[in-house]
Amino acid sequence: MQQLLVDELTGDRVILAPARALRPDTFRVHAEPLPASVATCPFCRGNEHETPPEVARLGGGEPETPGWSLRVVPNKYPIVGDGVPGAHEVVIFSPAHDADLGALSEHAAADVLLALRDRARFHLAHGCRYPQAFVNQGKAAGASIEHPHAQLVALDLVPPRAQVRLDRFAPAAFADDQEHRVVDGAVVVWCPRASPTPFTMRLALADGGSRFDEAADDDTRAAGVALRDAIARVQLVLGDVAYNVMIETAPRDHAGPFRWWIDVVPRITVYAGFELATGLSVNVVAPADAAGALRAAR
């Protein structure tokens, strides 16, 4: 039976049209594993000179040389610049070309989120208003380079969808959204009641604040590990699926209620003509069923 649902946190409207015959294997993606290194990849070890000069690194070695475990560089083709003030940076998870976020060690996954938080903090301290951190993993998710990486775009404005989330936020709605839980604990993972696509997950600290850039070290590490584990669950259920990760946060100087969270969106369906024309999403997997499959993934 179809239902029209509203995500109370984002305002997105979703038609839930579960097809009972569909199982996770219906969506399962099989892809060739990535190699550990690619000679022509600018993010691989030994090609540091092919990126803009780094702004941060973890691990040993001198700038623009091997020895690093994580590296942050300006995006060579930024989406902000002269006409749209801001900064656009890339966080390279590892020198390994196949270091997908779902397969990182706990320490490395924590370092990814710490690096994104620290760069967000830096740009907010230097005049930007809103830091949008995200991951495009796989071509279907918008990645132009297959070497796993995250991006941070620091803006001098609050983008419209972020403003909608701020205006709509209510603690009760945030709690109600967590009905279909996948993981309980210091970081809660759940499938939103109005998931826009199959197997969408949302993560938040059980006792978190409004701004990602203000998160404490231990909380940021815990969120990084939980994100790694959530993606690993998606991959166990769906295979080598493309996905997006978005960190939703309050902007600088925000005084109202909010809780920062992370969305994980597997890209297993296409946003096609109906969705583009109407602004409605169509989800054919009930969030309760998705949560059950993800809970069972070990």
C-alpha atoms as a PDB file:
ATOM      1  CA  MET A   1       0.000   0.000   0.000  1.00  0.00           C
ATOM      2  CA  GLN A   2       1.417   3.357  -1.028  1.00  0.00           C
ATOM      3  CA  GLN A   3       1.897   6.143   1.505  1.00  0.00           C
ATOM      4  CA  LEU A   4       2.837   9.807   1.169  1.00  0.00           C
ATOM      5  CA  LEU A   5       5.290  10.624   3.952  1.00  0.00           C
ATOM      6  CA  VAL A   6       7.070  13.804   5.030  1.00  0.00           C
ATOM      7  CA  ASP A   7      10.555  13.848   6.524  1.00  0.00           C
ATOM      8  CA  GLU A   8       9.907  16.199   9.436  1.00  0.00           C
ATOM      9  CA  LEU A   9      13.603  17.100   9.658  1.00  0.00           C
ATOM     10  CA  THR A  10      14.121  18.063   6.008  1.00  0.00           C
ATOM     11  CA  GLY A  11      10.643  18.690   4.635  1.00  0.00           C
ATOM     12  CA  ASP A  12      11.228  16.161   1.844  1.00  0.00           C
ATOM     13  CA  ARG A  13       8.094  14.364   0.641  1.00  0.00           C
ATOM     14  CA  VAL A  14       8.380  10.690  -0.190  1.00  0.00           C
ATOM     15  CA  ILE A  15       5.997   8.212  -1.749  1.00  0.00           C
ATOM     16  CA  LEU A  16       6.588   4.886  -0.025  1.00  0.00           C
ATOM     17  CA  ALA A  17       5.589   2.198  -2.505  1.00  0.00           C
ATOM     18  CA  PRO A  18       7.047  -1.019  -1.104  1.00  0.00           C
ATOM     19  CA  ALA A  19       7.277  -3.884  -3.563  1.00  0.00           C
ATOM     20  CA  ARG A  20       7.034  -6.945  -1.345  1.00  0.00           C
ATOM     21  CA  ALA A  21       8.673  -9.181  -3.912  1.00  0.00           C
ATOM     22  CA  LEU A  22      11.841  -7.092  -3.826  1.00  0.00           C
ATOM     23  CA  ARG A  23      14.644  -8.364  -1.636  1.00  0.00           C
ATOM     24  CA  PRO A  24      18.041  -6.735  -0.995  1.00  0.00           C
ATOM     25  CA  ASP A  25      19.535  -9.046  -3.649  1.00  0.00           C
ATOM     26  CA  THR A  26      17.343  -7.252  -6.199  1.00  0.00           C
ATOM     27  CA  PHE A  27      19.564  -4.207  -5.738  1.00  0.00           C
ATOM     28  CA  ARG A  28      22.856  -6.002  -5.168  1.00  0.00           C
ATOM     29  CA  VAL A  29      25.723  -4.464  -7.108  1.00  0.00           C
ATOM     30  CA  HIS A  30      28.733  -6.460  -8.262  1.00  0.00           C
ATOM     31  CA  ALA A  31      31.788  -4.492  -9.313  1.00  0.00           C
ATOM     32  CA  GLU A  32      35.422  -5.254  -9.916  1.00  0.00           C
ATOM     33  CA  PRO A  33      37.489  -4.449  -6.810  1.00  0.00           C
ATOM     34  CA  LEU A  34      39.679  -1.389  -7.053  1.00  0.00           C
ATOM     35  CA  PRO A  35      43.437  -1.895  -7.322  1.00  0.00           C
ATOM     36  CA  ALA A  36      45.632  -0.887  -4.414  1.00  0.00           C
ATOM     37  CA  SER A  37      47.419   1.702  -6.562  1.00  0.00           C
ATOM     38  CA  VAL A  38      46.975   3.401  -9.937  1.00  0.00           C
ATOM     39  CA  ALA A  39      49.967   5.056 -11.594  1.00  0.00           C
ATOM     40  CA  THR A  40      47.878   7.872 -13.100  1.00  0.00           C
ATOM     41  CA  CYS A  41      45.776   8.652  -9.999  1.00  0.00           C
ATOM     42  CA  PRO A  42      46.657  12.053  -8.470  1.00  0.00           C
ATOM     43  CA  PHE A  43      45.607  10.832  -5.013  1.00  0.00           C
ATOM     44  CA  CYS A  44      47.871   7.764  -4.949  1.00  0.00           C
ATOM     45  CA  ARG A  45      51.239   7.566  -3.199  1.00  0.00           C
ATOM     46  CA  GLY A  46      54.031   9.133  -5.253  1.00  0.00           C
ATOM     47  CA  ASN A  47      51.744  11.512  -7.169  1.00  0.00           C
ATOM     48  CA  GLU A  48      51.528  14.196  -4.503  1.00  0.00           C
ATOM     49  CA  HIS A  49      52.887  16.771  -6.955  1.00  0.00           C
ATOM     50  CA  GLU A  50      49.749  16.376  -9.102  1.00  0.00           C
ATOM     51  CA  THR A  51      47.470  17.995  -6.517  1.00  0.00           C
ATOM     52  CA  PRO A  52      47.488  21.596  -5.290  1.00  0.00           C
ATOM     53  CA  PRO A  53      49.788  22.078  -2.284  1.00  0.00           C
ATOM     54  CA  GLU A  54      48.405  20.315   0.762  1.00  0.00           C
ATOM     55  CA  VAL A  55      46.916  22.249   3.660  1.00  0.00           C
ATOM     56  CA  ALA A  56      47.075  19.395   6.199  1.00  0.00           C
ATOM     57  CA  ARG A  57      48.389  15.860   6.544  1.00  0.00           C
ATOM     58  CA  LEU A  58      48.601  13.026   9.036  1.00  0.00           C
ATOM     59  CA  GLY A  59      51.538  10.637   9.148  1.00  0.00           C
ATOM     60  CA  GLY A  60      55.190  11.208   8.350  1.00  0.00           C
ATOM     61  CA  GLY A  61      57.041  12.797   5.489  1.00  0.00           C
ATOM     62  CA  GLU A  62      57.504  16.298   4.186  1.00  0.00           C
ATOM     63  CA  PRO A  63      54.728  18.219   2.387  1.00  0.00           C
ATOM     64  CA  GLU A  64      54.029  16.978  -1.150  1.00  0.00           C
ATOM     65  CA  THR A  65      55.945  13.727  -0.541  1.00  0.00           C
ATOM     66  CA  PRO A  66      54.935  10.163   0.413  1.00  0.00           C
ATOM     67  CA  GLY A  67      54.736   9.086   4.043  1.00  0.00           C
ATOM     68  CA  TRP A  68      51.254  10.425   4.818  1.00  0.00           C
ATOM     69  CA  SER A  69      48.250   8.450   6.086  1.00  0.00           C
ATOM     70  CA  LEU A  70      45.669  11.173   5.346  1.00  0.00           C
ATOM     71  CA  ARG A  71      46.020  14.295   3.249  1.00  0.00           C
ATOM     72  CA  VAL A  72      43.946  17.463   2.740  1.00  0.00           C
ATOM     73  CA  VAL A  73      44.377  19.504  -0.444  1.00  0.00           C
ATOM     74  CA  PRO A  74      42.431  22.282  -2.169  1.00  0.00           C
ATOM     75  CA  ASN A  75      40.109  20.993  -4.878  1.00  0.00           C
ATOM     76  CA  LYS A  76      41.773  21.530  -8.251  1.00  0.00           C
ATOM     77  CA  TYR A  77      38.395  22.334  -9.801  1.00  0.00           C
ATOM     78  CA  PRO A  78      36.480  24.132  -7.015  1.00  0.00           C
ATOM     79  CA  ILE A  79      32.758  24.837  -7.145  1.00  0.00           C
ATOM     80  CA  VAL A  80      33.303  28.083  -5.243  1.00  0.00           C
ATOM     81  CA  GLY A  81      35.707  30.858  -6.097  1.00  0.00           C
ATOM     82  CA  ASP A  82      35.609  34.380  -7.476  1.00  0.00           C
ATOM     83  CA  GLY A  83      31.847  34.596  -8.051  1.00  0.00           C
ATOM     84  CA  VAL A  84      30.856  32.508  -5.036  1.00  0.00           C
ATOM     85  CA  PRO A  85      33.226  33.156  -2.134  1.00  0.00           C
ATOM     86  CA  GLY A  86      34.329  30.173  -0.111  1.00  0.00           C
ATOM     87  CA  ALA A  87      36.746  27.263  -0.037  1.00  0.00           C
ATOM     88  CA  HIS A  88      36.639  23.761  -1.492  1.00  0.00           C
ATOM     89  CA  GLU A  89      38.946  21.053  -0.146  1.00  0.00           C
ATOM     90  CA  VAL A  90      39.487  17.323  -0.556  1.00  0.00           C
ATOM     91  CA  VAL A  91      40.258  14.893   2.281  1.00  0.00           C
ATOM     92  CA  ILE A  92      42.078  11.842   0.869  1.00  0.00           C
ATOM     93  CA  PHE A  93      41.417   8.941   3.214  1.00  0.00           C
ATOM     94  CA  SER A  94      44.580   6.963   2.508  1.00  0.00           C
ATOM     95  CA  PRO A  95      47.389   6.535  -0.039  1.00  0.00           C
ATOM     96  CA  ALA A  96      45.703   3.235  -0.964  1.00  0.00           C
ATOM     97  CA  HIS A  97      43.489   3.510  -4.051  1.00  0.00           C
ATOM     98  CA  ASP A  98      41.067   0.923  -2.647  1.00  0.00           C
ATOM     99  CA  ALA A  99      40.686   2.440   0.853  1.00  0.00           C
ATOM    100  CA  ASP A 100      36.902   2.717   0.847  1.00  0.00           C
ATOM    101  CA  LEU A 101      35.420   4.345   3.940  1.00  0.00           C
ATOM    102  CA  GLY A 102      33.600   1.143   4.854  1.00  0.00           C
ATOM    103  CA  ALA A 103      36.866  -0.810   4.934  1.00  0.00           C
ATOM    104  CA  LEU A 104      39.076   1.608   6.898  1.00  0.00           C
ATOM    105  CA  SER A 105      40.421   0.752  10.324  1.00  0.00           C
ATOM    106  CA  GLU A 106      38.665   2.355  13.290  1.00  0.00           C
ATOM    107  CA  HIS A 107      41.605   4.713  13.730  1.00  0.00           C
ATOM    108  CA  ALA A 108      41.625   5.760  10.067  1.00  0.00           C
ATOM    109  CA  ALA A 109      37.830   6.239   9.966  1.00  0.00           C
ATOM    110  CA  ALA A 110      38.038   8.433  13.069  1.00  0.00           C
ATOM    111  CA  ASP A 111      40.827  10.464  11.457  1.00  0.00           C
ATOM    112  CA  VAL A 112      38.627  11.178   8.414  1.00  0.00           C
ATOM    113  CA  LEU A 113      35.894  12.742  10.514  1.00  0.00           C
ATOM    114  CA  LEU A 114      38.400  14.584  12.702  1.00  0.00           C
ATOM    115  CA  ALA A 115      40.023  16.071   9.588  1.00  0.00           C
ATOM    116  CA  LEU A 116      36.666  17.214   8.210  1.00  0.00           C
ATOM    117  CA  ARG A 117      35.732  18.734  11.565  1.00  0.00           C
ATOM    118  CA  ASP A 118      39.073  20.537  11.879  1.00  0.00           C
ATOM    119  CA  ARG A 119      38.877  21.982   8.364  1.00  0.00           C
ATOM    120  CA  ALA A 120      35.277  23.076   8.975  1.00  0.00           C
ATOM    121  CA  ARG A 121      36.413  24.736  12.200  1.00  0.00           C
ATOM    122  CA  PHE A 122      39.276  26.471  10.385  1.00  0.00           C
ATOM    123  CA  HIS A 123      37.088  27.972   7.680  1.00  0.00           C
ATOM    124  CA  LEU A 124      34.370  29.093  10.080  1.00  0.00           C
ATOM    125  CA  ALA A 125      37.036  30.829  12.151  1.00  0.00           C
ATOM    126  CA  HIS A 126      38.168  32.615   8.981  1.00  0.00           C
ATOM    127  CA  GLY A 127      34.828  34.084   7.986  1.00  0.00           C
ATOM    128  CA  CYS A 128      32.788  31.354   6.298  1.00  0.00           C
ATOM    129  CA  ARG A 129      29.279  30.678   7.606  1.00  0.00           C
ATOM    130  CA  TYR A 130      28.453  27.110   6.619  1.00  0.00           C
ATOM    131  CA  PRO A 131      30.641  24.014   6.108  1.00  0.00           C
ATOM    132  CA  GLN A 132      29.193  21.286   3.887  1.00  0.00           C
ATOM    133  CA  ALA A 133      31.114  18.034   4.204  1.00  0.00           C
ATOM    134  CA  PHE A 134      30.234  15.136   1.942  1.00  0.00           C
ATOM    135  CA  VAL A 135      31.441  11.964   0.236  1.00  0.00           C
ATOM    136  CA  ASN A 136      30.669  10.933  -3.335  1.00  0.00           C
ATOM    137  CA  GLN A 137      31.732   7.282  -3.580  1.00  0.00           C
ATOM    138  CA  GLY A 138      31.371   5.745  -7.016  1.00  0.00           C
ATOM    139  CA  LYS A 139      30.435   7.172 -10.396  1.00  0.00           C
ATOM    140  CA  ALA A 140      26.695   6.844  -9.753  1.00  0.00           C
ATOM    141  CA  ALA A 141      27.158   9.059  -6.678  1.00  0.00           C
ATOM    142  CA  GLY A 142      28.948  11.796  -8.610  1.00  0.00           C
ATOM    143  CA  ALA A 143      32.593  10.885  -8.001  1.00  0.00           C
ATOM    144  CA  SER A 144      34.951  12.088 -10.710  1.00  0.00           C
ATOM    145  CA  ILE A 145      37.971  10.341  -9.134  1.00  0.00           C
ATOM    146  CA  GLU A 146      37.538   6.754  -7.931  1.00  0.00           C
ATOM    147  CA  HIS A 147      40.219   6.991  -5.208  1.00  0.00           C
ATOM    148  CA  PRO A 148      38.082   7.301  -2.017  1.00  0.00           C
ATOM    149  CA  HIS A 149      37.930  10.809  -0.612  1.00  0.00           C
ATOM    150  CA  ALA A 150      35.650  13.320   1.101  1.00  0.00           C
ATOM    151  CA  GLN A 151      35.090  16.966   0.276  1.00  0.00           C
ATOM    152  CA  LEU A 152      34.413  20.096   2.278  1.00  0.00           C
ATOM    153  CA  VAL A 153      32.845  23.192   0.741  1.00  0.00           C
ATOM    154  CA  ALA A 154      32.907  26.179   3.087  1.00  0.00           C
ATOM    155  CA  LEU A 155      30.356  28.835   2.109  1.00  0.00           C
ATOM    156  CA  ASP A 156      29.791  32.428   3.184  1.00  0.00           C
ATOM    157  CA  LEU A 157      26.042  31.798   3.126  1.00  0.00           C
ATOM    158  CA  VAL A 158      23.612  29.297   4.622  1.00  0.00           C
ATOM    159  CA  PRO A 159      22.331  27.170   1.705  1.00  0.00           C
ATOM    160  CA  PRO A 160      18.556  26.922   1.233  1.00  0.00           C
ATOM    161  CA  ARG A 161      18.163  23.269   2.215  1.00  0.00           C
ATOM    162  CA  ALA A 162      20.225  23.835   5.350  1.00  0.00           C
ATOM    163  CA  GLN A 163      17.972  26.759   6.257  1.00  0.00           C
ATOM    164  CA  VAL A 164      14.904  24.543   5.823  1.00  0.00           C
ATOM    165  CA  ARG A 165      16.385  22.013   8.246  1.00  0.00           C
ATOM    166  CA  LEU A 166      17.113  24.760  10.757  1.00  0.00           C
ATOM    167  CA  ASP A 167      13.598  26.197  10.479  1.00  0.00           C
ATOM    168  CA  ARG A 168      11.908  22.789  10.807  1.00  0.00           C
ATOM    169  CA  PHE A 169      14.026  21.301  13.565  1.00  0.00           C
ATOM    170  CA  ALA A 170      12.258  20.168  16.721  1.00  0.00           C
ATOM    171  CA  PRO A 171      13.746  17.812  19.333  1.00  0.00           C
ATOM    172  CA  ALA A 172      10.565  15.724  19.375  1.00  0.00           C
ATOM    173  CA  ALA A 173      10.662  15.249  15.600  1.00  0.00           C
ATOM    174  CA  PHE A 174      14.332  14.257  15.822  1.00  0.00           C
ATOM    175  CA  ALA A 175      13.498  11.591  18.405  1.00  0.00           C
ATOM    176  CA  ASP A 176      10.429  10.340  16.510  1.00  0.00           C
ATOM    177  CA  ASP A 177      12.497   9.940  13.333  1.00  0.00           C
ATOM    178  CA  GLN A 178      14.582   7.235  15.062  1.00  0.00           C
ATOM    179  CA  GLU A 179      11.820   4.623  15.159  1.00  0.00           C
ATOM    180  CA  HIS A 180      13.567   2.200  12.780  1.00  0.00           C
ATOM    181  CA  ARG A 181      16.903   1.824  14.542  1.00  0.00           C
ATOM    182  CA  VAL A 182      19.822  -0.161  13.198  1.00  0.00           C
ATOM    183  CA  VAL A 183      22.299   0.520  16.048  1.00  0.00           C
ATOM    184  CA  ASP A 184      21.842   1.863  19.580  1.00  0.00           C
ATOM    185  CA  GLY A 185      24.609   3.333  21.688  1.00  0.00           C
ATOM    186  CA  ALA A 186      26.680   6.476  21.949  1.00  0.00           C
ATOM    187  CA  VAL A 187      25.971   6.931  18.226  1.00  0.00           C
ATOM    188  CA  VAL A 188      22.477   6.000  17.072  1.00  0.00           C
ATOM    189  CA  VAL A 189      21.991   4.723  13.508  1.00  0.00           C
ATOM    190  CA  TRP A 190      18.536   4.458  11.973  1.00  0.00           C
ATOM    191  CA  CYS A 191      16.557   4.398   8.728  1.00  0.00           C
ATOM    192  CA  PRO A 192      14.464   7.600   8.581  1.00  0.00           C
ATOM    193  CA  ARG A 193      10.704   7.096   8.600  1.00  0.00           C
ATOM    194  CA  ALA A 194      10.477   8.974   5.301  1.00  0.00           C
ATOM    195  CA  SER A 195      13.659   7.620   3.701  1.00  0.00           C
ATOM    196  CA  PRO A 196      13.891   9.137   0.211  1.00  0.00           C
ATOM    197  CA  THR A 197      15.665   6.095  -1.247  1.00  0.00           C
ATOM    198  CA  PRO A 198      16.048   2.438  -0.231  1.00  0.00           C
ATOM    199  CA  PHE A 199      18.413   1.743   2.671  1.00  0.00           C
ATOM    200  CA  THR A 200      19.086   5.395   3.524  1.00  0.00           C
ATOM    201  CA  MET A 201      20.600   5.666   7.004  1.00  0.00           C
ATOM    202  CA  ARG A 202      20.955   8.528   9.449  1.00  0.00           C
ATOM    203  CA  LEU A 203      23.549   8.718  12.250  1.00  0.00           C
ATOM    204  CA  ALA A 204      23.709  11.032  15.250  1.00  0.00           C
ATOM    205  CA  LEU A 205      25.351  11.187  18.623  1.00  0.00           C
ATOM    206  CA  ALA A 206      22.917  10.145  21.330  1.00  0.00           C
ATOM    207  CA  ASP A 207      23.886  13.316  23.190  1.00  0.00           C
ATOM    208  CA  GLY A 208      25.219  15.658  20.518  1.00  0.00           C
ATOM    209  CA  GLY A 209      25.324  19.374  19.912  1.00  0.00           C
ATOM    210  CA  SER A 210      24.143  21.546  17.056  1.00  0.00           C
ATOM    211  CA  ARG A 211      27.431  22.090  15.216  1.00  0.00           C
ATOM    212  CA  PHE A 212      29.726  19.492  13.724  1.00  0.00           C
ATOM    213  CA  ASP A 213      32.712  21.841  13.970  1.00  0.00           C
ATOM    214  CA  GLU A 214      32.227  22.058  17.746  1.00  0.00           C
ATOM    215  CA  ALA A 215      32.080  18.300  18.364  1.00  0.00           C
ATOM    216  CA  ALA A 216      34.516  16.987  20.966  1.00  0.00           C
ATOM    217  CA  ASP A 217      37.366  14.715  19.879  1.00  0.00           C
ATOM    218  CA  ASP A 218      35.919  11.559  21.445  1.00  0.00           C
ATOM    219  CA  ASP A 219      32.468  12.220  19.980  1.00  0.00           C
ATOM    220  CA  THR A 220      33.948  12.848  16.542  1.00  0.00           C
ATOM    221  CA  ARG A 221      35.955   9.623  16.707  1.00  0.00           C
ATOM    222  CA  ALA A 222      32.879   7.663  17.767  1.00  0.00           C
ATOM    223  CA  ALA A 223      30.873   9.135  14.894  1.00  0.00           C
ATOM    224  CA  GLY A 224      33.651   8.268  12.434  1.00  0.00           C
ATOM    225  CA  VAL A 225      33.715   4.636  13.539  1.00  0.00           C
ATOM    226  CA  ALA A 226      29.914   4.431  13.462  1.00  0.00           C
ATOM    227  CA  LEU A 227      29.913   5.855   9.939  1.00  0.00           C
ATOM    228  CA  ARG A 228      32.498   3.272   8.868  1.00  0.00           C
ATOM    229  CA  ASP A 229      30.366   0.499  10.358  1.00  0.00           C
ATOM    230  CA  ALA A 230      27.155   1.808   8.764  1.00  0.00           C
ATOM    231  CA  ILE A 231      28.723   1.825   5.312  1.00  0.00           C
ATOM    232  CA  ALA A 232      30.117  -1.656   5.898  1.00  0.00           C
ATOM    233  CA  ARG A 233      26.575  -2.843   6.681  1.00  0.00           C
ATOM    234  CA  VAL A 234      25.283  -1.287   3.465  1.00  0.00           C
ATOM    235  CA  GLN A 235      28.001  -3.064   1.510  1.00  0.00           C
ATOM    236  CA  LEU A 236      27.240  -6.419   3.145  1.00  0.00           C
ATOM    237  CA  VAL A 237      23.576  -6.076   2.167  1.00  0.00           C
ATOM    238  CA  LEU A 238      23.901  -4.364  -1.222  1.00  0.00           C
ATOM    239  CA  GLY A 239      27.405  -5.152  -2.454  1.00  0.00           C
ATOM    240  CA  ASP A 240      29.725  -2.625  -4.099  1.00  0.00           C
ATOM    241  CA  VAL A 241      27.098   0.087  -4.227  1.00  0.00           C
ATOM    242  CA  ALA A 242      27.788   3.772  -4.887  1.00  0.00           C
ATOM    243  CA  TYR A 243      26.771   6.061  -2.050  1.00  0.00           C
ATOM    244  CA  ASN A 244      26.743   9.619  -0.775  1.00  0.00           C
ATOM    245  CA  VAL A 245      27.489  10.799   2.749  1.00  0.00           C
ATOM    246  CA  MET A 246      26.358  14.247   3.905  1.00  0.00           C
ATOM    247  CA  ILE A 247      27.066  15.894   7.247  1.00  0.00           C
ATOM    248  CA  GLU A 248      24.169  18.133   8.265  1.00  0.00           C
ATOM    249  CA  THR A 249      25.100  20.859  10.735  1.00  0.00           C
ATOM    250  CA  ALA A 250      24.049  24.222  12.079  1.00  0.00           C
ATOM    251  CA  PRO A 251      25.963  27.236  10.717  1.00  0.00           C
ATOM    252  CA  ARG A 252      28.245  29.598  12.565  1.00  0.00           C
ATOM    253  CA  ASP A 253      26.433  31.805  15.088  1.00  0.00           C
ATOM    254  CA  HIS A 254      23.300  29.649  15.110  1.00  0.00           C
ATOM    255  CA  ALA A 255      21.405  30.179  18.374  1.00  0.00           C
ATOM    256  CA  GLY A 256      18.334  27.950  17.993  1.00  0.00           C
ATOM    257  CA  PRO A 257      17.848  24.240  18.636  1.00  0.00           C
ATOM    258  CA  PHE A 258      19.520  21.751  16.305  1.00  0.00           C
ATOM    259  CA  ARG A 259      21.439  18.452  16.330  1.00  0.00           C
ATOM    260  CA  TRP A 260      24.092  17.705  13.753  1.00  0.00           C
ATOM    261  CA  TRP A 261      23.749  14.373  11.984  1.00  0.00           C
ATOM    262  CA  ILE A 262      25.089  12.328   9.062  1.00  0.00           C
ATOM    263  CA  ASP A 263      23.061  10.915   6.172  1.00  0.00           C
ATOM    264  CA  VAL A 264      24.212   7.869   4.185  1.00  0.00           C
ATOM    265  CA  VAL A 265      22.377   7.456   0.875  1.00  0.00           C
ATOM    266  CA  PRO A 266      23.073   4.340  -1.243  1.00  0.00           C
ATOM    267  CA  ARG A 267      22.619   5.108  -4.940  1.00  0.00           C
ATOM    268  CA  ILE A 268      20.660   2.071  -6.076  1.00  0.00           C
ATOM    269  CA  THR A 269      17.724   3.834  -7.721  1.00  0.00           C
ATOM    270  CA  VAL A 270      17.571   6.645 -10.265  1.00  0.00           C
ATOM    271  CA  TYR A 271      16.082  10.078  -9.627  1.00  0.00           C
ATOM    272  CA  ALA A 272      14.113  10.036 -12.883  1.00  0.00           C
ATOM    273  CA  GLY A 273      11.428  12.005 -14.728  1.00  0.00           C
ATOM    274  CA  PHE A 274       8.678  11.716 -12.126  1.00  0.00           C
ATOM    275  CA  GLU A 275      10.973  12.757  -9.295  1.00  0.00           C
ATOM    276  CA  LEU A 276      12.464  15.648 -11.264  1.00  0.00           C
ATOM    277  CA  ALA A 277       9.039  16.892 -12.343  1.00  0.00           C
ATOM    278  CA  THR A 278       7.317  16.650  -8.974  1.00  0.00           C
ATOM    279  CA  GLY A 279      10.035  16.973  -6.341  1.00  0.00           C
ATOM    280  CA  LEU A 280       8.673  13.775  -4.775  1.00  0.00           C
ATOM    281  CA  SER A 281      10.970  10.840  -4.062  1.00  0.00           C
ATOM    282  CA  VAL A 282       9.784   7.251  -4.529  1.00  0.00           C
ATOM    283  CA  ASN A 283      11.077   4.564  -2.167  1.00  0.00           C
ATOM    284  CA  VAL A 284      10.198   0.927  -2.880  1.00  0.00           C
ATOM    285  CA  VAL A 285      11.694  -0.516   0.326  1.00  0.00           C
ATOM    286  CA  ALA A 286       9.945   0.154   3.628  1.00  0.00           C
ATOM    287  CA  PRO A 287      12.374   1.732   6.117  1.00  0.00           C
ATOM    288  CA  ALA A 288      11.423  -0.895   8.714  1.00  0.00           C
ATOM    289  CA  ASP A 289      12.438  -3.658   6.297  1.00  0.00           C
ATOM    290  CA  ALA A 290      15.676  -1.859   5.388  1.00  0.00           C
ATOM    291  CA  ALA A 291      16.527  -1.415   9.065  1.00  0.00           C
ATOM    292  CA  GLY A 292      15.926  -5.105   9.697  1.00  0.00           C
ATOM    293  CA  ALA A 293      18.246  -6.161   6.874  1.00  0.00           C
ATOM    294  CA  LEU A 294      20.947  -3.722   8.006  1.00  0.00           C
ATOM    295  CA  ARG A 295      20.682  -4.824  11.650  1.00  0.00           C
ATOM    296  CA  ALA A 296      21.237  -8.404  10.578  1.00  0.00           C
ATOM    297  CA  ALA A 297      24.346  -7.526   8.523  1.00  0.00           C
ATOM    298  CA  ARG A 298      27.514  -8.409  10.436  1.00  0.00           C
END
